[in-house]
N, C-alpha and C. Protein backbone atom coordinates (compact mmCIF):
# COMPACT_ATOMS: atom_id res chain seq x y z
N MET A 1 -72.45 -165.19 -123.07
CA MET A 1 -71.62 -166.31 -123.48
C MET A 1 -72.35 -167.60 -123.15
N GLN A 2 -72.26 -168.56 -124.05
CA GLN A 2 -72.80 -169.89 -123.81
C GLN A 2 -71.68 -170.81 -123.35
N LEU A 3 -71.99 -171.63 -122.36
CA LEU A 3 -71.00 -172.56 -121.81
C LEU A 3 -71.60 -173.94 -121.75
N LEU A 4 -70.93 -174.91 -122.34
CA LEU A 4 -71.33 -176.31 -122.25
C LEU A 4 -70.48 -176.97 -121.18
N THR A 5 -71.13 -177.44 -120.13
CA THR A 5 -70.45 -178.14 -119.04
C THR A 5 -70.66 -179.63 -119.26
N VAL A 6 -69.57 -180.38 -119.44
CA VAL A 6 -69.64 -181.82 -119.69
C VAL A 6 -69.31 -182.56 -118.39
N VAL A 7 -70.27 -183.36 -117.94
CA VAL A 7 -70.09 -184.17 -116.73
C VAL A 7 -70.54 -185.59 -117.02
N GLY A 8 -70.11 -186.50 -116.16
CA GLY A 8 -70.55 -187.88 -116.35
C GLY A 8 -70.37 -188.75 -115.12
N ALA A 9 -69.56 -188.30 -114.16
CA ALA A 9 -69.27 -189.12 -112.99
C ALA A 9 -69.25 -188.26 -111.73
N ARG A 10 -69.37 -188.91 -110.59
CA ARG A 10 -69.49 -188.20 -109.31
C ARG A 10 -68.44 -187.13 -109.06
N PRO A 11 -67.15 -187.38 -109.29
CA PRO A 11 -66.18 -186.30 -109.03
C PRO A 11 -66.47 -185.05 -109.86
N GLN A 12 -66.97 -185.24 -111.07
CA GLN A 12 -67.31 -184.10 -111.92
C GLN A 12 -68.52 -183.36 -111.40
N PHE A 13 -69.48 -184.09 -110.85
CA PHE A 13 -70.69 -183.45 -110.33
C PHE A 13 -70.32 -182.48 -109.22
N ILE A 14 -69.42 -182.90 -108.36
CA ILE A 14 -69.01 -182.06 -107.23
C ILE A 14 -68.33 -180.79 -107.73
N LYS A 15 -67.44 -180.92 -108.70
CA LYS A 15 -66.76 -179.74 -109.27
C LYS A 15 -67.75 -178.86 -110.03
N ALA A 16 -68.67 -179.48 -110.76
CA ALA A 16 -69.64 -178.72 -111.54
C ALA A 16 -70.57 -177.91 -110.64
N ALA A 17 -70.85 -178.41 -109.45
CA ALA A 17 -71.73 -177.68 -108.53
C ALA A 17 -71.15 -176.31 -108.21
N ALA A 18 -69.86 -176.27 -107.92
CA ALA A 18 -69.21 -174.99 -107.58
C ALA A 18 -69.22 -174.05 -108.79
N VAL A 19 -68.92 -174.58 -109.96
CA VAL A 19 -68.89 -173.75 -111.17
C VAL A 19 -70.30 -173.25 -111.51
N SER A 20 -71.29 -174.12 -111.39
CA SER A 20 -72.67 -173.72 -111.70
C SER A 20 -73.15 -172.60 -110.78
N ARG A 21 -72.75 -172.64 -109.50
CA ARG A 21 -73.12 -171.56 -108.58
C ARG A 21 -72.48 -170.24 -109.03
N ALA A 22 -71.23 -170.29 -109.45
CA ALA A 22 -70.55 -169.08 -109.92
C ALA A 22 -71.21 -168.56 -111.19
N ILE A 23 -71.61 -169.46 -112.06
CA ILE A 23 -72.28 -169.06 -113.30
C ILE A 23 -73.62 -168.42 -112.99
N ALA A 24 -74.36 -168.98 -112.06
CA ALA A 24 -75.66 -168.42 -111.69
C ALA A 24 -75.51 -166.99 -111.18
N ALA A 25 -74.39 -166.70 -110.54
CA ALA A 25 -74.16 -165.35 -110.02
C ALA A 25 -73.97 -164.31 -111.13
N THR A 26 -73.73 -164.77 -112.37
CA THR A 26 -73.55 -163.82 -113.48
C THR A 26 -74.87 -163.34 -114.05
N GLN A 27 -75.96 -164.01 -113.70
CA GLN A 27 -77.27 -163.62 -114.24
C GLN A 27 -77.60 -162.21 -113.74
N GLY A 28 -78.12 -161.40 -114.62
CA GLY A 28 -78.42 -160.02 -114.28
C GLY A 28 -77.25 -159.07 -114.47
N SER A 29 -76.09 -159.60 -114.80
CA SER A 29 -74.93 -158.75 -115.06
C SER A 29 -74.92 -158.36 -116.53
N ASP A 30 -73.98 -157.51 -116.91
CA ASP A 30 -73.89 -157.12 -118.31
C ASP A 30 -73.23 -158.20 -119.17
N ARG A 31 -72.68 -159.25 -118.54
CA ARG A 31 -72.05 -160.35 -119.27
C ARG A 31 -72.49 -161.69 -118.67
N PRO A 32 -73.77 -162.01 -118.79
CA PRO A 32 -74.25 -163.26 -118.20
C PRO A 32 -73.71 -164.48 -118.96
N ILE A 33 -73.55 -165.55 -118.24
CA ILE A 33 -73.14 -166.82 -118.83
C ILE A 33 -74.35 -167.74 -118.83
N VAL A 34 -74.64 -168.32 -119.97
CA VAL A 34 -75.74 -169.27 -120.11
C VAL A 34 -75.12 -170.66 -120.13
N GLU A 35 -75.38 -171.42 -119.08
CA GLU A 35 -74.79 -172.76 -118.97
C GLU A 35 -75.78 -173.81 -119.43
N GLN A 36 -75.27 -174.76 -120.20
CA GLN A 36 -76.02 -175.95 -120.55
C GLN A 36 -75.17 -177.13 -120.10
N ILE A 37 -75.76 -178.01 -119.34
CA ILE A 37 -75.04 -179.17 -118.83
C ILE A 37 -75.33 -180.36 -119.73
N LEU A 38 -74.26 -181.05 -120.11
CA LEU A 38 -74.35 -182.27 -120.89
C LEU A 38 -73.85 -183.41 -120.01
N HIS A 39 -74.71 -184.37 -119.76
CA HIS A 39 -74.38 -185.53 -118.93
C HIS A 39 -74.08 -186.70 -119.87
N THR A 40 -72.87 -187.24 -119.79
CA THR A 40 -72.49 -188.34 -120.68
C THR A 40 -73.22 -189.62 -120.33
N GLY A 41 -73.59 -189.77 -119.07
CA GLY A 41 -74.29 -190.98 -118.65
C GLY A 41 -73.39 -192.04 -118.08
N GLN A 42 -72.11 -191.71 -117.84
CA GLN A 42 -71.21 -192.69 -117.26
C GLN A 42 -71.77 -193.23 -115.94
N HIS A 43 -72.23 -192.36 -115.08
CA HIS A 43 -72.90 -192.78 -113.85
C HIS A 43 -74.38 -192.51 -114.06
N PHE A 44 -75.12 -193.56 -114.32
CA PHE A 44 -76.51 -193.43 -114.71
C PHE A 44 -77.48 -193.87 -113.62
N ASP A 45 -76.99 -194.51 -112.58
CA ASP A 45 -77.84 -194.93 -111.47
C ASP A 45 -78.27 -193.71 -110.67
N ALA A 46 -79.53 -193.70 -110.21
CA ALA A 46 -80.05 -192.54 -109.47
C ALA A 46 -79.19 -192.21 -108.25
N ALA A 47 -78.69 -193.23 -107.56
CA ALA A 47 -77.86 -192.98 -106.37
C ALA A 47 -76.49 -192.42 -106.75
N MET A 48 -76.06 -192.65 -107.97
CA MET A 48 -74.74 -192.18 -108.40
C MET A 48 -74.82 -190.91 -109.23
N SER A 49 -76.03 -190.46 -109.56
CA SER A 49 -76.17 -189.29 -110.42
C SER A 49 -77.24 -188.34 -109.91
N ASP A 50 -78.49 -188.73 -110.02
CA ASP A 50 -79.61 -187.84 -109.67
C ASP A 50 -79.49 -187.29 -108.25
N GLN A 51 -79.08 -188.15 -107.33
CA GLN A 51 -78.95 -187.74 -105.94
C GLN A 51 -77.93 -186.61 -105.80
N PHE A 52 -76.83 -186.68 -106.52
CA PHE A 52 -75.82 -185.63 -106.46
C PHE A 52 -76.35 -184.32 -107.03
N PHE A 53 -77.07 -184.39 -108.14
CA PHE A 53 -77.64 -183.17 -108.73
C PHE A 53 -78.58 -182.50 -107.74
N ALA A 54 -79.44 -183.31 -107.11
CA ALA A 54 -80.42 -182.75 -106.17
C ALA A 54 -79.74 -182.17 -104.93
N GLU A 55 -78.84 -182.93 -104.32
CA GLU A 55 -78.23 -182.50 -103.07
C GLU A 55 -77.27 -181.32 -103.25
N LEU A 56 -76.61 -181.25 -104.40
CA LEU A 56 -75.65 -180.18 -104.65
C LEU A 56 -76.27 -178.97 -105.36
N GLY A 57 -77.54 -179.08 -105.71
CA GLY A 57 -78.22 -177.96 -106.37
C GLY A 57 -77.72 -177.69 -107.77
N ILE A 58 -77.31 -178.72 -108.47
CA ILE A 58 -76.82 -178.57 -109.85
C ILE A 58 -78.03 -178.54 -110.78
N PRO A 59 -78.08 -177.59 -111.71
CA PRO A 59 -79.19 -177.59 -112.66
C PRO A 59 -79.27 -178.93 -113.41
N GLN A 60 -80.47 -179.33 -113.74
CA GLN A 60 -80.64 -180.58 -114.48
C GLN A 60 -79.97 -180.47 -115.85
N PRO A 61 -79.39 -181.57 -116.33
CA PRO A 61 -78.74 -181.54 -117.64
C PRO A 61 -79.71 -181.17 -118.76
N ALA A 62 -79.24 -180.33 -119.66
CA ALA A 62 -80.01 -180.01 -120.85
C ALA A 62 -79.97 -181.19 -121.83
N PHE A 63 -78.87 -181.93 -121.76
CA PHE A 63 -78.65 -183.07 -122.66
C PHE A 63 -78.15 -184.25 -121.85
N HIS A 64 -78.66 -185.43 -122.15
CA HIS A 64 -78.21 -186.65 -121.49
C HIS A 64 -77.90 -187.66 -122.58
N LEU A 65 -76.63 -188.04 -122.70
CA LEU A 65 -76.21 -188.92 -123.78
C LEU A 65 -76.53 -190.38 -123.51
N GLY A 66 -76.67 -190.77 -122.25
CA GLY A 66 -76.97 -192.16 -121.93
C GLY A 66 -75.85 -193.13 -122.27
N ILE A 67 -74.62 -192.65 -122.24
CA ILE A 67 -73.48 -193.50 -122.58
C ILE A 67 -72.93 -194.09 -121.29
N GLY A 68 -73.27 -195.32 -121.05
CA GLY A 68 -72.79 -196.03 -119.86
C GLY A 68 -72.75 -197.50 -120.19
N GLY A 69 -71.89 -198.23 -119.53
CA GLY A 69 -71.72 -199.63 -119.86
C GLY A 69 -70.95 -199.76 -121.16
N GLY A 70 -70.29 -200.85 -121.33
CA GLY A 70 -69.49 -201.04 -122.54
C GLY A 70 -68.03 -200.77 -122.25
N SER A 71 -67.21 -200.99 -123.25
CA SER A 71 -65.76 -200.84 -123.06
C SER A 71 -65.36 -199.37 -123.00
N HIS A 72 -64.20 -199.15 -122.43
CA HIS A 72 -63.65 -197.80 -122.30
C HIS A 72 -63.52 -197.14 -123.68
N GLY A 73 -62.97 -197.86 -124.64
CA GLY A 73 -62.78 -197.32 -125.98
C GLY A 73 -64.09 -197.00 -126.68
N ALA A 74 -65.05 -197.91 -126.57
CA ALA A 74 -66.35 -197.70 -127.20
C ALA A 74 -67.05 -196.49 -126.60
N ASN A 75 -67.02 -196.36 -125.28
CA ASN A 75 -67.66 -195.22 -124.62
C ASN A 75 -67.00 -193.91 -125.02
N THR A 76 -65.68 -193.89 -125.08
CA THR A 76 -64.96 -192.68 -125.47
C THR A 76 -65.34 -192.26 -126.88
N GLY A 77 -65.39 -193.22 -127.80
CA GLY A 77 -65.78 -192.92 -129.18
C GLY A 77 -67.20 -192.40 -129.28
N ARG A 78 -68.11 -193.02 -128.54
CA ARG A 78 -69.51 -192.57 -128.55
C ARG A 78 -69.62 -191.16 -127.97
N MET A 79 -68.83 -190.86 -126.93
CA MET A 79 -68.86 -189.52 -126.34
C MET A 79 -68.35 -188.49 -127.34
N LEU A 80 -67.23 -188.79 -127.99
CA LEU A 80 -66.69 -187.85 -128.98
C LEU A 80 -67.73 -187.52 -130.04
N GLU A 81 -68.36 -188.54 -130.57
CA GLU A 81 -69.34 -188.34 -131.64
C GLU A 81 -70.54 -187.53 -131.15
N ALA A 82 -71.07 -187.89 -130.00
CA ALA A 82 -72.28 -187.23 -129.49
C ALA A 82 -72.02 -185.79 -129.05
N ILE A 83 -70.88 -185.55 -128.41
CA ILE A 83 -70.56 -184.18 -127.96
C ILE A 83 -70.29 -183.29 -129.16
N GLU A 84 -69.59 -183.81 -130.16
CA GLU A 84 -69.34 -183.02 -131.36
C GLU A 84 -70.66 -182.65 -132.05
N ARG A 85 -71.57 -183.61 -132.15
CA ARG A 85 -72.87 -183.35 -132.77
C ARG A 85 -73.62 -182.26 -132.00
N ARG A 86 -73.59 -182.34 -130.67
CA ARG A 86 -74.28 -181.34 -129.84
C ARG A 86 -73.65 -179.96 -130.04
N CYS A 87 -72.33 -179.89 -130.11
CA CYS A 87 -71.66 -178.60 -130.32
C CYS A 87 -72.01 -178.01 -131.68
N TRP A 88 -72.08 -178.81 -132.72
CA TRP A 88 -72.45 -178.31 -134.04
C TRP A 88 -73.88 -177.80 -134.04
N MET A 89 -74.76 -178.49 -133.31
CA MET A 89 -76.17 -178.09 -133.29
C MET A 89 -76.36 -176.78 -132.54
N ASN A 90 -75.57 -176.55 -131.50
CA ASN A 90 -75.77 -175.38 -130.65
C ASN A 90 -74.98 -174.17 -131.11
N GLY A 91 -74.10 -174.33 -132.06
CA GLY A 91 -73.31 -173.20 -132.52
C GLY A 91 -72.15 -172.91 -131.59
N PRO A 92 -71.42 -171.85 -131.86
CA PRO A 92 -70.23 -171.54 -131.07
C PRO A 92 -70.55 -171.35 -129.58
N MET A 93 -69.73 -171.97 -128.76
CA MET A 93 -69.86 -171.86 -127.31
C MET A 93 -68.53 -172.24 -126.68
N ARG A 94 -68.42 -171.99 -125.42
CA ARG A 94 -67.28 -172.45 -124.66
C ARG A 94 -67.64 -173.82 -124.09
N CYS A 95 -66.63 -174.63 -123.83
CA CYS A 95 -66.84 -175.96 -123.30
C CYS A 95 -65.82 -176.23 -122.21
N TRP A 96 -66.27 -176.86 -121.10
CA TRP A 96 -65.33 -177.26 -120.07
C TRP A 96 -65.75 -178.60 -119.50
N CYS A 97 -64.76 -179.34 -119.11
CA CYS A 97 -65.01 -180.59 -118.40
C CYS A 97 -63.81 -180.84 -117.49
N THR A 98 -64.03 -181.63 -116.47
CA THR A 98 -62.96 -181.96 -115.54
C THR A 98 -62.41 -183.33 -115.88
N ALA A 99 -61.33 -183.71 -115.24
CA ALA A 99 -60.78 -185.05 -115.45
C ALA A 99 -61.84 -186.07 -115.06
N THR A 100 -61.87 -187.17 -115.79
CA THR A 100 -62.91 -188.17 -115.62
C THR A 100 -62.32 -189.56 -115.58
N PRO A 101 -63.15 -190.55 -115.24
CA PRO A 101 -62.69 -191.93 -115.39
C PRO A 101 -62.37 -192.24 -116.84
N THR A 102 -63.11 -191.62 -117.76
CA THR A 102 -62.80 -191.69 -119.18
C THR A 102 -61.95 -190.46 -119.46
N PRO A 103 -61.01 -190.52 -120.41
CA PRO A 103 -60.15 -189.35 -120.64
C PRO A 103 -60.95 -188.06 -120.76
N PRO A 104 -60.38 -186.92 -120.30
CA PRO A 104 -61.12 -185.67 -120.31
C PRO A 104 -61.31 -185.07 -121.70
N TRP A 105 -60.58 -185.51 -122.70
CA TRP A 105 -60.68 -184.86 -124.00
C TRP A 105 -61.95 -185.14 -124.78
N PRO A 106 -62.82 -186.10 -124.43
CA PRO A 106 -64.07 -186.18 -125.19
C PRO A 106 -64.95 -184.94 -125.08
N GLY A 107 -64.70 -184.05 -124.14
CA GLY A 107 -65.46 -182.80 -124.06
C GLY A 107 -64.90 -181.72 -124.96
N PRO A 108 -63.69 -181.24 -124.68
CA PRO A 108 -63.17 -180.11 -125.44
C PRO A 108 -62.75 -180.42 -126.87
N TRP A 109 -62.32 -181.63 -127.16
CA TRP A 109 -61.85 -181.94 -128.50
C TRP A 109 -62.95 -181.74 -129.54
N PRO A 110 -64.15 -182.34 -129.38
CA PRO A 110 -65.18 -182.07 -130.38
C PRO A 110 -65.67 -180.64 -130.37
N ALA A 111 -65.62 -180.00 -129.22
CA ALA A 111 -66.01 -178.58 -129.17
C ALA A 111 -65.07 -177.76 -130.04
N ALA A 112 -63.79 -178.06 -129.98
CA ALA A 112 -62.81 -177.33 -130.79
C ALA A 112 -63.05 -177.58 -132.28
N SER A 113 -63.39 -178.79 -132.64
CA SER A 113 -63.59 -179.09 -134.07
C SER A 113 -64.88 -178.49 -134.61
N SER A 114 -65.77 -178.07 -133.72
CA SER A 114 -67.04 -177.48 -134.17
C SER A 114 -67.05 -175.97 -134.02
N ARG A 115 -65.90 -175.38 -133.91
CA ARG A 115 -65.71 -173.93 -133.77
C ARG A 115 -66.13 -173.40 -132.42
N SER A 116 -66.37 -174.27 -131.46
CA SER A 116 -66.57 -173.81 -130.09
C SER A 116 -65.20 -173.72 -129.46
N ARG A 117 -65.12 -173.26 -128.21
CA ARG A 117 -63.82 -173.15 -127.56
C ARG A 117 -63.83 -173.86 -126.24
């Protein structure tokens, strides 16, 4: 199974660390999960992002949208468009994201419209 993990801010990084460890434990099983992390870029400063990935042992993002700065509405729209495009390019997959400073639906909503779950 392919899983797209959508993160963008520190609280999500902490939650993603626990999930990524559980996903890593599936490797070598008869039902491995292949995780791809998509970073929206909400927290783009090294102290607010890179440091958390390194200290928590989170795999580096496969995709980085670089969406940071700007209005709440503009960022949400850019996230919807970019995540949907990524889901269409990667084919069917599962998608999860946690509550964020920006509404949580920019992750699963485009995944649903692209036949992912």
